[in-house]
Structure formats: C-alpha cells, structure tokens
Amino acid sequence: MVRNKMPSYLYLFIYFAPCAGMTVLGMGGCRDQGGTVGGTEETAAEVGSVGVMATAPAVSFARLMVRRDFEGALVVARRTAADRPTDPGAFLDLASAAAATGRQEEALDAVRAGIRFEPERAGGYVIRGVIQEARGDLREAERSWLEALDRNPSASESKQARMMLAGLARARQAYLAEESLLRAALDLTPDDTDLRAMLALCLVAQGRADDARQMGLQVVARDPRRFEVQRLLAALAWDREDYPEALERGAIAVRLDDGDEVARRLLEGAFYVVTTTRLRCQHGERPWSEDAVITVLREMESDFAMEGAATFVELDLRFKDDAGVQGRLAAAAAVACGVRGAGAP
C-alpha cells in the first residue's frame, strides 16, 4: 500500500538514516517526518554502519539525502569521489545520489567503480541491483541481490538485499517467498518496524487477516505514526465488522494524512455506522428528534473525539440509500441492541 509510485531503488536511502527510504517511498511513520535526523552523532553512526568513514563530508551527504536534497547530495558525493578516487564508499555514495536524481548511467558507472575497488563488499551489489531494477533489468537486479547475500553481508546489507528480493517476490505474487525473505531479514533486525509493516501487508495478500492484524499492532505499538499500518488496521477492522476499532484507527490515519481518500472513507463509514447504531439502540427507528441526535453526537465526541452534527447529516444523506452500508448497519444494530430490538430498554 505504498501511497506514492516511486522507484524502489529509493529503499537504499535507509543506508544513510533510519527509515529514510520508507519516508521517501511514502511509507510514512518514521521517526523524523520533517526530513531531519537526530544529531551529528546519530548520523555518523548510521553512515559508519555501512562502512563509510564518518567524516564531515559523509555526515553532510547523509543529512542531504535524508532531507531529500538529492542534487546537493550529488554535488557533495562527486566532490568526495574526486578527492578520494580509490575509496569504494565514496563511489557508492555517488551511485546513490546519481540514482536519486535519475542519472542512471552515472550511478551504474559509480557503483561499478565501488565494486572494483572492494569486490567483497556486499553493499555495492545491493545498490547495483536497485539501479538495475530502476532500469527495468529485473533478472540482473535479482542476481545482484543474491550475490550480495553470498558476500558475507552485514546485518544492514543482508536486510536490504532480502527486502529488495521480497519486493520482486511480491511483484510476482509469490507471497510465501516474500514472507520467507522478510522473516529472514526480521531475524537480523527484530525491532525493525519497516520490515514488520511490509510483512503485515504480505500477510494480507495471503488472506491471513488475523496474523496481519497482530503484526500491524506490533508496528503501531512501537511507532503509532505509521500511516499505512493504521489505515490497514482500520480496513481490517471494517472487514470484520469491528466498527469502533475501524473508527479509532481511521481517525488516527486521517490525522496522519488528511488527504488520503481511503482512510477518509473508512473513517466516515465507521463513524456513520457507530453513530446510527447508537441512535437505533437508544431511540428506536427513524425519525429521531434533534435532541436525540445531539445527545448521541456528544457521546461520540466524548468516546472517540469525534464531533459535528453537520457531518453526520451529510453522511446520512449519502449512506441512507446505500444497500451495503445499510446491511452492515442492520447487522451491527442487531448485535449492539440485543435480541429485544432497537430502542428496547
């Protein structure tokens, strides 16, 4: 459920700051939505984790990548590669920045240089693969990522290679293979919410809604700002007719991205079903008095931080002749009001 259609090679920005690739991809919910990282020491540690010297240019490059100033990062990377012409890390940085700005030939030349200077370094093959994928060379990309796994990769490099292979498996609808790759990556980095979010979506694709929900709950317990997971949880709740949870998760998703149409539909549908069910249970069938509607809306505001009589009236006009919504409403009222029927004391 990636919101923005972006080249998957942008995943490689995770090399330079936690979640940076997911943020650029529109997966959202990472620690720093504003595009900054927590400080020079943290940035240097992330840069150092993939074998790049934590020098001032490296830290500057990392910050520019996280802030999505890819042209600025490219300037820094070109200068660094010129100053350190045998440093493989400098050429891999250059490859990343060139790819981010759409300069695929320059990116491929740079990554080849990085591999030539240090052929046993797995990270070069990961980056080569994502550049090849962006060029449409999927078989070559797959070979690169498999080769990365054969090069004694670090935990970070192994995770990235498996994530990219998992993406190929998803595109082929090979969801069991995707799950196996994601779980292997998760074994290396068990606290990684990006992997858990991807795994939740993989489980949905397999029809394993309960497993997907449990994985999604683990993600939002660690990071409640993960938009795509909050929206997923709202959708799963709607499907199993748990409208209060759909309302709660939908409200969170809309607060995180008020422009997402799917999240807003889930929120409005759940709000309408819960509100109308309360009206039927407490005040019987239509017509309801204005005082009855206001009373229930005040309850909704108190219980769910929802408000707006005008919103409910608009939704009622939209949904009252919708057979699907009315069917859900009838089932919800039958459960909520009990066997004595709507409006019974």
Protein backbone atom coordinates (compact mmCIF):
# COMPACT_ATOMS: atom_id res chain seq x y z
CA MET A 1 0.00 0.00 0.00
CA VAL A 2 2.62 2.47 -0.95
CA ARG A 3 0.90 5.78 -1.47
CA ASN A 4 3.32 7.32 -3.96
CA LYS A 5 4.56 5.45 -7.01
CA MET A 6 8.31 5.86 -6.58
CA PRO A 7 11.24 3.82 -7.93
CA SER A 8 12.10 1.09 -5.47
CA TYR A 9 15.79 1.99 -5.57
CA LEU A 10 14.93 4.71 -3.06
CA TYR A 11 14.94 1.98 -0.43
CA LEU A 12 18.70 2.28 -0.44
CA PHE A 13 18.46 5.57 1.46
CA ILE A 14 17.91 3.52 4.59
CA TYR A 15 21.68 3.14 4.47
CA PHE A 16 22.08 6.73 5.49
CA ALA A 17 19.42 7.26 8.15
CA PRO A 18 16.78 5.13 9.86
CA CYS A 19 13.60 4.89 7.75
CA ALA A 20 14.78 7.42 5.20
CA GLY A 21 13.92 5.16 2.29
CA MET A 22 10.45 4.40 3.59
CA THR A 23 9.78 8.10 4.12
CA VAL A 24 10.72 8.92 0.54
CA LEU A 25 8.67 5.99 -0.70
CA GLY A 26 5.61 7.33 1.10
CA MET A 27 5.53 4.51 3.65
CA GLY A 28 5.49 7.24 6.27
CA GLY A 29 5.65 6.97 10.00
CA CYS A 30 9.40 7.21 10.51
CA ARG A 31 10.96 8.96 13.46
CA ASP A 32 11.50 12.25 11.71
CA GLN A 33 8.76 13.26 9.29
CA GLY A 34 10.37 16.64 8.75
CA GLY A 35 13.33 15.13 6.95
CA THR A 36 15.97 15.61 9.60
CA VAL A 37 17.87 13.23 11.80
CA GLY A 38 18.55 13.41 15.47
CA GLY A 39 22.04 14.78 15.55
CA THR A 40 25.57 14.50 14.18
CA GLU A 41 26.50 11.57 16.41
CA GLU A 42 23.46 9.53 15.33
CA THR A 43 24.01 10.37 11.68
CA ALA A 44 27.67 9.45 11.85
CA ALA A 45 26.79 6.14 13.46
CA GLU A 46 24.37 5.31 10.65
CA VAL A 47 26.90 6.26 7.99
CA GLY A 48 29.59 4.24 9.73
CA SER A 49 27.30 1.21 9.91
CA VAL A 50 27.73 0.62 6.18
CA GLY A 51 31.45 1.18 6.17
CA VAL A 52 31.62 4.82 5.13
CA MET A 53 34.05 6.89 7.12
CA ALA A 54 32.11 9.22 9.42
CA THR A 55 33.89 12.31 8.14
CA ALA A 56 32.28 15.72 7.76
CA PRO A 57 31.54 15.16 4.03
CA ALA A 58 29.94 11.79 4.83
CA VAL A 59 27.73 13.30 7.52
CA SER A 60 26.84 16.19 5.20
CA PHE A 61 25.97 13.72 2.44
CA ALA A 62 23.79 11.69 4.81
CA ARG A 63 21.89 14.75 6.00
CA LEU A 64 21.27 15.94 2.46
CA MET A 65 19.93 12.52 1.46
CA VAL A 66 17.59 12.37 4.44
CA ARG A 67 16.35 15.89 3.67
CA ARG A 68 15.76 14.80 0.06
CA ASP A 69 18.15 17.40 -1.28
CA PHE A 70 19.44 14.90 -3.81
CA GLU A 71 21.06 17.46 -6.09
CA GLY A 72 23.00 18.84 -3.12
CA ALA A 73 23.98 15.32 -2.07
CA LEU A 74 25.19 14.64 -5.62
CA VAL A 75 27.46 17.70 -5.52
CA VAL A 76 28.99 16.50 -2.24
CA ALA A 77 29.35 12.92 -3.50
CA ARG A 78 31.07 13.97 -6.73
CA ARG A 79 33.50 16.14 -4.83
CA THR A 80 34.24 13.37 -2.32
CA ALA A 81 34.79 10.77 -5.05
CA ALA A 82 37.18 13.13 -6.83
CA ASP A 83 39.11 13.73 -3.61
CA ARG A 84 39.20 10.01 -2.71
CA PRO A 85 39.47 8.25 -6.08
CA THR A 86 40.12 4.78 -4.63
CA ASP A 87 37.57 4.87 -1.81
CA PRO A 88 34.76 2.39 -2.60
CA GLY A 89 32.41 4.04 -0.11
CA ALA A 90 32.73 7.38 -1.88
CA PHE A 91 31.68 5.79 -5.18
CA LEU A 92 28.72 4.01 -3.58
CA ASP A 93 27.57 7.34 -2.17
CA LEU A 94 27.92 8.82 -5.64
CA ALA A 95 25.91 5.94 -7.11
CA SER A 96 23.11 6.52 -4.58
CA ALA A 97 22.89 10.26 -5.24
CA ALA A 98 23.09 9.85 -9.01
CA ALA A 99 20.30 7.26 -8.94
CA ALA A 100 18.14 9.52 -6.78
CA THR A 101 18.43 12.30 -9.37
CA GLY A 102 17.66 9.98 -12.28
CA ARG A 103 21.22 9.82 -13.62
CA GLN A 104 21.23 6.06 -14.02
CA GLU A 105 24.29 5.75 -16.26
CA GLU A 106 26.39 7.81 -13.85
CA ALA A 107 25.01 5.74 -10.99
CA LEU A 108 25.89 2.47 -12.70
CA ASP A 109 29.42 3.67 -13.53
CA ALA A 110 29.93 4.75 -9.92
CA VAL A 111 28.70 1.50 -8.41
CA ARG A 112 30.92 -0.48 -10.78
CA ALA A 113 33.89 1.55 -9.57
CA GLY A 114 32.92 0.91 -5.94
CA ILE A 115 32.72 -2.85 -6.57
CA ARG A 116 36.02 -2.82 -8.47
CA PHE A 117 37.83 -1.23 -5.53
CA GLU A 118 36.22 -3.57 -2.97
CA PRO A 119 34.65 -6.60 -4.67
CA GLU A 120 33.83 -8.38 -1.41
CA ARG A 121 31.69 -5.55 -0.10
CA ALA A 122 28.05 -6.64 -0.23
CA GLY A 123 26.62 -3.13 -0.19
CA GLY A 124 27.88 -2.46 -3.70
CA TYR A 125 25.87 -5.35 -5.09
CA VAL A 126 22.74 -4.20 -3.25
CA ILE A 127 23.00 -0.74 -4.78
CA ARG A 128 23.87 -2.15 -8.20
CA GLY A 129 20.72 -4.26 -8.00
CA VAL A 130 18.43 -1.39 -7.19
CA ILE A 131 19.86 0.66 -10.05
CA GLN A 132 19.38 -2.28 -12.41
CA GLU A 133 15.79 -2.67 -11.24
CA ALA A 134 15.14 1.01 -11.92
CA ARG A 135 16.40 0.42 -15.46
CA GLY A 136 13.99 -2.50 -15.84
CA ASP A 137 16.71 -5.19 -15.70
CA LEU A 138 14.91 -7.35 -13.15
CA ARG A 139 16.88 -10.53 -13.74
CA GLU A 140 20.17 -8.70 -13.38
CA ALA A 141 18.88 -6.98 -10.26
CA GLU A 142 17.91 -10.30 -8.74
CA ARG A 143 21.39 -11.69 -9.49
CA SER A 144 22.98 -8.68 -7.82
CA TRP A 145 20.95 -9.08 -4.63
CA LEU A 146 21.64 -12.81 -4.48
CA GLU A 147 25.32 -12.07 -4.98
CA ALA A 148 25.18 -9.59 -2.10
CA LEU A 149 23.93 -12.38 0.16
CA ASP A 150 26.93 -14.50 -0.91
CA ARG A 151 29.42 -11.78 0.09
CA ASN A 152 29.25 -12.13 3.89
CA PRO A 153 27.00 -9.09 4.22
CA SER A 154 26.49 -7.08 7.37
CA ALA A 155 23.08 -7.25 9.04
CA SER A 156 22.10 -3.99 7.34
CA GLU A 157 23.24 -5.15 3.89
CA SER A 158 21.59 -8.55 4.31
CA LYS A 159 18.34 -6.90 5.35
CA GLN A 160 18.40 -4.61 2.31
CA ALA A 161 19.10 -7.43 -0.14
CA ARG A 162 16.29 -9.53 1.30
CA MET A 163 13.89 -6.57 1.27
CA MET A 164 14.58 -6.00 -2.41
CA LEU A 165 14.20 -9.70 -3.24
CA ALA A 166 10.95 -9.66 -1.28
CA GLY A 167 9.76 -6.80 -3.48
CA LEU A 168 10.40 -8.90 -6.57
CA ALA A 169 8.53 -11.82 -4.98
CA ARG A 170 5.56 -9.56 -4.28
CA ALA A 171 5.52 -8.33 -7.88
CA ARG A 172 5.35 -11.98 -8.95
CA GLN A 173 2.61 -12.63 -6.37
CA ALA A 174 4.91 -15.18 -4.75
CA TYR A 175 3.72 -14.21 -1.28
CA LEU A 176 5.13 -17.21 0.58
CA ALA A 177 8.57 -16.47 -0.83
CA GLU A 178 8.14 -12.82 0.12
CA GLU A 179 7.18 -13.78 3.65
CA SER A 180 10.19 -16.08 3.99
CA LEU A 181 12.56 -13.30 2.86
CA LEU A 182 11.00 -10.71 5.18
CA ARG A 183 11.11 -13.04 8.18
CA ALA A 184 14.77 -13.83 7.48
CA ALA A 185 15.51 -10.11 7.41
CA LEU A 186 13.47 -9.61 10.57
CA ASP A 187 15.57 -12.23 12.35
CA LEU A 188 18.56 -9.95 11.78
CA THR A 189 16.80 -6.76 12.93
CA PRO A 190 13.84 -7.82 15.12
CA ASP A 191 12.89 -4.26 16.11
CA ASP A 192 12.62 -3.03 12.52
CA THR A 193 9.13 -1.56 12.05
CA ASP A 194 9.63 -1.16 8.29
CA LEU A 195 10.02 -4.91 7.90
CA ARG A 196 7.07 -5.61 10.18
CA ALA A 197 4.91 -3.21 8.15
CA MET A 198 5.89 -4.93 4.91
CA LEU A 199 5.21 -8.32 6.49
CA ALA A 200 1.75 -7.21 7.61
CA LEU A 201 0.89 -6.27 4.02
CA CYS A 202 2.30 -9.58 2.79
CA LEU A 203 0.07 -11.47 5.22
CA VAL A 204 -2.98 -9.54 3.99
CA ALA A 205 -2.12 -10.57 0.44
CA GLN A 206 -2.22 -14.19 1.62
CA GLY A 207 -5.65 -13.71 3.20
CA ARG A 208 -4.26 -14.09 6.73
CA ALA A 209 -6.14 -11.16 8.25
CA ASP A 210 -5.67 -12.14 11.91
CA ASP A 211 -1.91 -12.59 11.51
CA ALA A 212 -1.71 -9.31 9.61
CA ARG A 213 -3.58 -7.52 12.39
CA GLN A 214 -1.24 -8.88 15.07
CA MET A 215 1.80 -7.79 13.06
CA GLY A 216 0.24 -4.37 12.46
CA LEU A 217 -0.47 -3.92 16.16
CA GLN A 218 3.19 -4.66 16.89
CA VAL A 219 4.19 -1.93 14.44
CA VAL A 220 1.93 0.80 15.82
CA ALA A 221 2.83 -0.13 19.41
CA ARG A 222 6.39 0.80 18.51
CA ASP A 223 5.51 3.69 16.21
CA PRO A 224 1.90 4.95 16.19
CA ARG A 225 2.71 7.39 13.36
CA ARG A 226 2.89 4.63 10.75
CA PHE A 227 0.11 5.86 8.49
CA GLU A 228 -0.12 2.87 6.17
CA VAL A 229 -0.36 0.45 9.09
CA GLN A 230 -3.02 2.49 10.90
CA ARG A 231 -5.01 2.56 7.66
CA LEU A 232 -4.52 -1.18 7.23
CA LEU A 233 -5.76 -1.83 10.76
CA ALA A 234 -8.81 0.34 10.06
CA ALA A 235 -9.57 -1.65 6.91
CA LEU A 236 -9.15 -4.99 8.69
CA ALA A 237 -11.48 -3.81 11.47
CA TRP A 238 -14.09 -2.72 8.89
CA ASP A 239 -13.90 -6.12 7.20
CA ARG A 240 -14.54 -7.98 10.45
CA GLU A 241 -17.31 -5.51 11.38
CA ASP A 242 -15.48 -4.08 14.39
CA TYR A 243 -16.64 -0.53 13.72
CA PRO A 244 -15.38 1.12 16.93
CA GLU A 245 -11.82 -0.04 16.11
CA ALA A 246 -12.25 0.97 12.48
CA LEU A 247 -13.33 4.39 13.71
CA GLU A 248 -10.39 4.72 16.09
CA ARG A 249 -7.77 3.60 13.55
CA GLY A 250 -9.37 5.55 10.73
CA ALA A 251 -9.29 8.73 12.81
CA ILE A 252 -5.58 8.23 13.51
CA ALA A 253 -4.85 7.58 9.82
CA VAL A 254 -6.71 10.73 8.75
CA ARG A 255 -4.83 12.80 11.32
CA LEU A 256 -1.58 11.47 9.87
CA ASP A 257 -2.64 12.11 6.24
CA ASP A 258 -5.86 14.04 5.83
CA GLY A 259 -5.61 13.85 2.06
CA ASP A 260 -5.85 10.07 1.78
CA GLU A 261 -9.22 9.14 0.32
CA VAL A 262 -9.22 5.51 1.51
CA ALA A 263 -8.54 6.47 5.12
CA ARG A 264 -11.26 9.12 5.00
CA ARG A 265 -13.82 6.68 3.58
CA LEU A 266 -13.04 4.19 6.34
CA LEU A 267 -13.36 6.91 8.97
CA GLU A 268 -16.66 8.23 7.63
CA GLY A 269 -18.18 4.79 7.16
CA ALA A 270 -17.25 3.66 10.67
CA PHE A 271 -18.42 6.96 12.20
CA TYR A 272 -21.77 6.64 10.44
CA VAL A 273 -22.32 3.01 11.47
CA VAL A 274 -21.37 3.58 15.12
CA THR A 275 -23.42 6.77 15.44
CA THR A 276 -26.50 5.37 13.71
CA THR A 277 -26.32 2.15 15.73
CA ARG A 278 -26.33 4.15 18.96
CA LEU A 279 -29.30 6.15 17.76
CA ARG A 280 -31.25 3.00 16.93
CA CYS A 281 -30.35 1.28 20.20
CA GLN A 282 -31.17 4.29 22.38
CA HIS A 283 -34.05 5.91 20.48
CA GLY A 284 -35.55 3.27 18.22
CA GLU A 285 -36.09 3.55 14.48
CA ARG A 286 -36.38 6.77 12.50
CA PRO A 287 -37.35 9.52 12.73
CA TRP A 288 -35.05 10.73 15.52
CA SER A 289 -35.53 14.02 17.29
CA GLU A 290 -32.91 16.72 17.02
CA ASP A 291 -32.23 16.35 20.76
CA ALA A 292 -31.62 12.61 20.34
CA VAL A 293 -29.10 13.19 17.54
CA ILE A 294 -27.30 15.89 19.52
CA THR A 295 -27.12 13.66 22.61
CA VAL A 296 -25.56 10.76 20.69
CA LEU A 297 -23.12 13.02 18.87
CA ARG A 298 -21.97 14.37 22.22
CA GLU A 299 -21.36 10.79 23.33
CA MET A 300 -19.36 10.20 20.15
CA GLU A 301 -17.29 13.28 20.84
CA SER A 302 -16.58 12.07 24.37
CA ASP A 303 -15.82 8.44 23.43
CA PHE A 304 -13.99 8.93 20.11
CA ALA A 305 -13.06 12.62 19.99
CA MET A 306 -15.49 12.91 17.07
CA GLU A 307 -17.89 15.74 16.60
CA GLY A 308 -20.02 17.54 14.02
CA ALA A 309 -23.79 17.25 13.60
CA ALA A 310 -23.47 18.66 10.10
CA THR A 311 -21.03 15.88 9.22
CA PHE A 312 -23.46 13.22 10.42
CA VAL A 313 -26.34 14.77 8.47
CA GLU A 314 -24.21 14.80 5.31
CA LEU A 315 -23.20 11.18 5.84
CA ASP A 316 -26.79 10.18 6.49
CA LEU A 317 -27.86 11.68 3.17
CA ARG A 318 -25.03 9.82 1.45
CA PHE A 319 -25.48 6.42 3.07
CA LYS A 320 -29.18 6.04 3.91
CA ASP A 321 -29.96 4.55 0.48
CA ASP A 322 -26.68 2.59 0.24
CA ALA A 323 -27.68 -1.08 0.50
CA GLY A 324 -24.19 -2.22 1.52
CA VAL A 325 -23.83 0.27 4.35
CA GLN A 326 -27.41 -0.27 5.50
CA GLY A 327 -26.82 -4.03 5.59
CA ARG A 328 -23.78 -3.50 7.80
CA LEU A 329 -25.81 -1.13 9.93
CA ALA A 330 -28.63 -3.64 10.43
CA ALA A 331 -26.17 -6.35 11.49
CA ALA A 332 -24.35 -4.00 13.85
CA ALA A 333 -27.58 -2.82 15.45
CA ALA A 334 -28.81 -6.40 15.93
CA VAL A 335 -25.63 -7.22 17.85
CA ALA A 336 -25.35 -3.95 19.78
CA CYS A 337 -29.04 -3.59 20.72
CA GLY A 338 -29.59 -7.22 21.66
CA VAL A 339 -32.41 -9.60 20.84
CA ARG A 340 -35.02 -7.23 22.28
CA GLY A 341 -34.59 -4.97 19.29
CA ALA A 342 -33.53 -1.44 18.64
CA GLY A 343 -34.77 1.02 21.19
CA ALA A 344 -35.63 -1.56 23.81
CA PRO A 345 -34.79 -0.53 27.40
